[in-house]
Protein backbone atom coordinates (compact mmCIF):
# COMPACT_ATOMS: atom_id res chain seq x y z
CA MET A 1 35.65 -11.78 -35.71
CA ALA A 2 37.17 -15.58 -35.20
CA ILE A 3 36.28 -18.35 -36.62
CA LEU A 4 36.25 -20.95 -33.96
CA PRO A 5 37.62 -24.35 -34.91
CA ASP A 6 35.42 -26.88 -35.79
CA PRO A 7 35.78 -30.49 -34.55
CA LYS A 8 33.30 -31.49 -37.20
CA LYS A 9 35.93 -30.66 -39.50
CA ASN A 10 37.19 -33.90 -39.03
CA GLN A 11 35.32 -36.91 -40.47
CA LEU A 12 35.16 -39.53 -37.63
CA LEU A 13 33.71 -36.76 -34.93
CA ALA A 14 31.25 -35.69 -37.67
CA ALA A 15 29.91 -38.81 -38.10
CA LEU A 16 29.03 -39.37 -34.28
CA PRO A 17 25.62 -40.27 -32.80
CA ASP A 18 23.78 -37.25 -31.11
CA ASP A 19 24.44 -39.43 -27.55
CA GLU A 20 28.17 -39.83 -27.83
CA TRP A 21 28.92 -36.47 -29.34
CA GLU A 22 27.03 -34.33 -26.70
CA ARG A 23 29.26 -36.64 -24.15
CA TRP A 24 32.70 -36.10 -26.07
CA LEU A 25 32.70 -32.16 -26.86
CA PRO A 26 33.33 -31.17 -23.38
CA GLN A 27 36.06 -32.77 -23.30
CA LEU A 28 37.56 -32.25 -27.23
CA GLU A 29 40.18 -30.15 -26.63
CA TRP A 30 41.83 -27.81 -29.80
CA VAL A 31 45.53 -28.34 -30.65
CA GLU A 32 48.17 -27.04 -32.82
CA MET A 33 50.10 -29.73 -34.46
CA PRO A 34 53.29 -28.04 -36.00
CA LEU A 35 55.39 -29.68 -38.42
CA GLY A 36 57.49 -32.43 -36.85
CA GLN A 37 55.82 -32.54 -33.85
CA VAL A 38 56.45 -36.15 -32.33
CA LEU A 39 52.94 -37.36 -31.42
CA TYR A 40 53.82 -40.22 -29.52
CA GLU A 41 56.84 -42.40 -29.71
CA SER A 42 57.03 -45.99 -30.05
CA GLY A 43 56.45 -48.11 -26.87
CA SER A 44 55.62 -44.81 -24.81
CA THR A 45 52.08 -44.58 -22.94
CA LEU A 46 49.89 -42.99 -24.73
CA SER A 47 47.88 -39.71 -22.88
CA HIS A 48 45.40 -38.72 -25.96
CA VAL A 49 43.85 -39.43 -29.20
CA TYR A 50 44.10 -36.96 -31.30
CA PHE A 51 41.82 -36.46 -34.43
CA PRO A 52 43.40 -34.08 -36.99
CA THR A 53 41.32 -31.70 -38.87
CA THR A 54 43.32 -29.76 -41.25
CA SER A 55 46.89 -31.87 -40.27
CA ILE A 56 48.57 -35.33 -41.82
CA VAL A 57 50.12 -37.60 -38.93
CA SER A 58 52.57 -39.88 -40.53
CA LEU A 59 52.65 -43.17 -38.39
CA LEU A 60 56.12 -44.98 -38.48
CA TYR A 61 57.58 -48.40 -37.63
CA VAL A 62 61.20 -47.99 -35.54
CA MET A 63 63.52 -50.81 -35.89
CA GLU A 64 66.03 -51.28 -32.88
CA ASN A 65 68.64 -49.83 -34.77
CA GLY A 66 66.60 -46.46 -35.18
CA ALA A 67 65.63 -47.67 -38.99
CA SER A 68 62.46 -46.56 -39.44
CA ALA A 69 59.42 -46.56 -42.39
CA GLU A 70 56.00 -45.23 -42.96
CA ILE A 71 53.46 -47.90 -42.35
CA ALA A 72 49.99 -45.38 -42.61
CA VAL A 73 49.10 -41.77 -42.97
CA VAL A 74 46.31 -39.79 -41.13
CA GLY A 75 44.27 -37.10 -41.46
CA ASN A 76 40.69 -35.73 -41.27
CA GLU A 77 39.54 -38.92 -42.13
CA GLY A 78 40.39 -40.57 -39.05
CA LEU A 79 42.19 -40.67 -35.32
CA VAL A 80 45.88 -41.28 -34.46
CA GLY A 81 46.39 -43.72 -31.66
CA ILE A 82 43.81 -46.77 -32.01
CA SER A 83 45.84 -49.03 -29.39
CA LEU A 84 43.93 -47.27 -26.80
CA PHE A 85 40.88 -48.91 -27.69
CA MET A 86 42.17 -52.21 -29.07
CA GLY A 87 43.15 -53.17 -25.91
CA GLY A 88 46.73 -51.84 -25.48
CA GLU A 89 47.95 -49.08 -23.64
CA SER A 90 50.78 -48.34 -25.65
CA THR A 91 51.99 -48.95 -29.41
CA PRO A 92 54.86 -50.07 -31.54
CA SER A 93 54.44 -47.07 -33.67
CA ARG A 94 55.66 -43.67 -33.92
CA ALA A 95 53.37 -40.69 -34.66
CA VAL A 96 54.99 -37.55 -36.71
CA VAL A 97 53.16 -34.78 -37.95
CA GLN A 98 54.11 -34.16 -41.39
CA SER A 99 52.07 -31.73 -42.46
CA ALA A 100 51.10 -28.90 -39.89
CA GLY A 101 47.83 -27.92 -38.89
CA GLU A 102 45.25 -28.35 -36.38
CA GLY A 103 43.28 -30.92 -34.49
CA PHE A 104 41.24 -31.91 -31.42
CA ARG A 105 42.44 -34.38 -28.95
CA LEU A 106 40.59 -36.88 -26.25
CA PRO A 107 41.77 -37.81 -23.20
CA ALA A 108 42.94 -41.29 -23.24
CA GLN A 109 40.74 -42.12 -20.27
CA THR A 110 37.73 -40.69 -21.89
CA ILE A 111 37.83 -43.05 -24.99
CA LYS A 112 38.86 -46.29 -22.83
CA ASP A 113 35.57 -45.31 -21.22
CA GLU A 114 33.34 -45.59 -23.97
CA PHE A 115 34.90 -48.06 -25.34
CA ASN A 116 33.86 -50.10 -21.94
CA ARG A 117 30.27 -49.57 -22.96
CA THR A 118 30.51 -52.56 -25.31
CA PRO A 119 33.15 -54.96 -23.41
CA VAL A 120 31.62 -57.76 -25.76
CA LEU A 121 34.26 -56.68 -28.58
CA HIS A 122 37.51 -56.11 -26.30
CA LEU A 123 38.80 -59.54 -27.49
CA LEU A 124 38.41 -59.08 -31.10
CA LEU A 125 39.82 -55.88 -30.98
CA ARG A 126 42.62 -56.78 -29.18
CA TYR A 127 43.26 -59.70 -31.68
CA THR A 128 43.08 -57.12 -34.63
CA GLN A 129 45.52 -54.73 -32.64
CA ALA A 130 47.93 -57.82 -32.71
CA LEU A 131 47.19 -58.68 -36.57
CA ILE A 132 48.13 -55.38 -37.46
CA THR A 133 51.43 -55.06 -35.22
CA GLN A 134 51.89 -58.48 -37.40
CA MET A 135 51.20 -56.31 -40.78
CA ALA A 136 53.34 -53.47 -39.74
CA GLN A 137 56.17 -55.33 -38.52
CA THR A 138 56.52 -57.84 -41.91
CA ALA A 139 56.31 -54.93 -43.79
CA VAL A 140 59.40 -53.28 -42.18
CA CYS A 141 60.92 -56.68 -41.60
CA ASN A 142 60.74 -56.87 -45.92
CA ARG A 143 62.68 -53.86 -46.26
CA HIS A 144 65.05 -53.77 -43.61
CA HIS A 145 66.10 -57.56 -43.19
CA THR A 146 68.03 -59.97 -44.97
CA LEU A 147 66.44 -63.01 -46.55
CA ASP A 148 67.58 -65.32 -44.41
CA GLN A 149 65.83 -63.27 -41.09
CA GLN A 150 62.91 -63.07 -43.03
CA LEU A 151 62.76 -66.89 -43.48
CA CYS A 152 63.41 -67.76 -40.04
CA ARG A 153 60.91 -65.16 -38.74
CA TRP A 154 58.23 -66.67 -41.27
CA LEU A 155 58.80 -70.40 -40.08
CA LEU A 156 58.90 -69.41 -36.50
CA LEU A 157 55.40 -67.49 -37.05
CA SER A 158 54.09 -70.96 -39.15
CA LEU A 159 55.29 -73.01 -36.23
CA ASP A 160 53.54 -71.05 -33.68
CA ARG A 161 50.01 -71.73 -35.39
CA LEU A 162 50.70 -75.43 -35.79
CA HIS A 163 50.53 -78.27 -33.51
CA GLY A 164 54.03 -79.90 -34.03
CA ILE A 165 57.54 -79.21 -35.99
CA GLU A 166 56.33 -79.87 -39.51
CA LEU A 167 55.37 -77.61 -42.14
CA VAL A 168 53.61 -79.02 -45.21
CA MET A 169 54.92 -76.00 -47.60
CA THR A 170 57.17 -75.50 -50.97
CA GLN A 171 59.57 -73.44 -51.77
CA GLU A 172 57.92 -71.43 -54.81
CA LEU A 173 55.05 -70.77 -52.16
CA ILE A 174 57.20 -69.62 -49.47
CA ALA A 175 59.14 -67.21 -52.10
CA ASN A 176 55.88 -66.15 -53.22
CA MET A 177 55.03 -65.54 -49.16
CA LEU A 178 58.15 -63.09 -48.92
CA GLY A 179 57.97 -61.76 -52.30
CA VAL A 180 61.47 -62.98 -53.27
CA ARG A 181 62.66 -65.19 -55.98
CA ARG A 182 62.06 -68.88 -55.69
CA GLU A 183 66.12 -69.39 -56.06
CA GLY A 184 66.79 -67.23 -53.18
CA VAL A 185 64.60 -69.30 -50.61
CA THR A 186 66.03 -72.32 -51.76
CA GLU A 187 69.93 -70.96 -50.94
CA GLY A 188 68.42 -69.96 -47.93
CA ALA A 189 66.83 -72.92 -47.14
CA ARG A 190 69.72 -74.92 -47.76
CA LYS A 191 71.62 -72.81 -45.56
CA LEU A 192 68.81 -73.69 -42.63
CA GLN A 193 69.65 -77.16 -43.37
CA GLU A 194 73.10 -77.13 -43.25
CA ALA A 195 72.99 -75.62 -39.88
CA GLY A 196 71.08 -78.38 -38.70
CA LEU A 197 68.14 -76.03 -37.67
CA ILE A 198 65.89 -77.47 -40.39
CA ARG A 199 65.11 -80.70 -42.77
CA TYR A 200 63.49 -79.82 -46.38
CA ALA A 201 62.19 -82.76 -48.41
CA ARG A 202 59.63 -83.32 -50.79
CA GLY A 203 57.58 -79.97 -49.75
CA ARG A 204 57.99 -80.36 -46.15
CA ILE A 205 60.01 -78.69 -43.70
CA THR A 206 60.65 -80.38 -40.11
CA VAL A 207 61.91 -78.02 -37.55
CA LEU A 208 64.83 -79.30 -35.67
CA ASN A 209 65.70 -76.49 -33.48
CA ARG A 210 63.51 -73.89 -32.61
CA LYS A 211 65.68 -71.97 -30.39
CA GLY A 212 68.66 -71.72 -33.11
CA LEU A 213 65.92 -70.70 -35.40
CA GLU A 214 65.46 -68.04 -32.84
CA LYS A 215 69.12 -66.85 -32.63
CA ARG A 216 69.43 -66.39 -36.41
CA THR A 217 66.18 -64.29 -37.03
CA CYS A 218 65.60 -60.51 -36.70
CA GLU A 219 63.96 -58.79 -33.99
CA CYS A 220 60.90 -58.74 -35.75
CA TYR A 221 59.42 -62.52 -34.58
CA ALA A 222 59.74 -61.25 -30.80
CA VAL A 223 57.94 -58.24 -31.30
CA VAL A 224 54.87 -59.68 -32.89
CA LYS A 225 55.12 -62.91 -30.40
CA LYS A 226 55.09 -60.65 -27.38
CA GLU A 227 52.00 -58.57 -28.97
CA TYR A 228 50.06 -61.54 -29.27
CA ASP A 229 50.94 -62.82 -25.53
CA ARG A 230 50.42 -59.57 -24.25
CA LEU A 231 47.16 -58.81 -25.67
CA LEU A 232 45.37 -62.34 -25.72
CA PRO A 233 44.50 -65.63 -23.25
CA ALA A 234 47.06 -67.76 -23.53
CA LYS A 235 45.16 -70.76 -25.30
CA LEU A 236 44.56 -68.23 -28.51
CA ALA A 237 48.53 -66.52 -28.12
CA THR A 238 49.97 -69.75 -28.39
């Protein structure tokens, strides 16, 4: 006798309270997940969330030039497609099956309906989604972009979180934040100052030309800024 696929081989599904399990079970669909299958692309609208049981899915962050880096893996401990209940219809990452197997999927509307039972959490989860985007983009930026671009991104993100145009920050601390040598930050700050974009003196950085920094940075700043603006109220996103 054939053994039927068991959704409870996924640890999240197994942990569902009885009431939720009874609501979800009729809508859970068993799916094969072959090696290399793309569950969703960066920027696409998600139609389902996936609960792997015997497969493993790699989450990749994709840059504009096609370069990518893995930011997480998901197996039977979790699900793929958290953007659906974190306040977004799409995601900046690509999900690819890296180890073939099986799983279950649930329609997007079903998971959103479940989430809407507790609307008080929406704002905090939308913020979490934006924060995850920033974390992923930072990781990829540190791998693929120049120190000059990273420094501009860091300055712009910091500026967005302050009132005014002045940052109180030593080069040593910036180097620690970016994971680079202090000499690299010193050289990068010198170039920006010579270009008339910033003024740096005695641990204080004054941004003189924000537009110039935006032109000089990589795509990562715009991606993060767009996500915060999309997911959060204007007073929180700026």
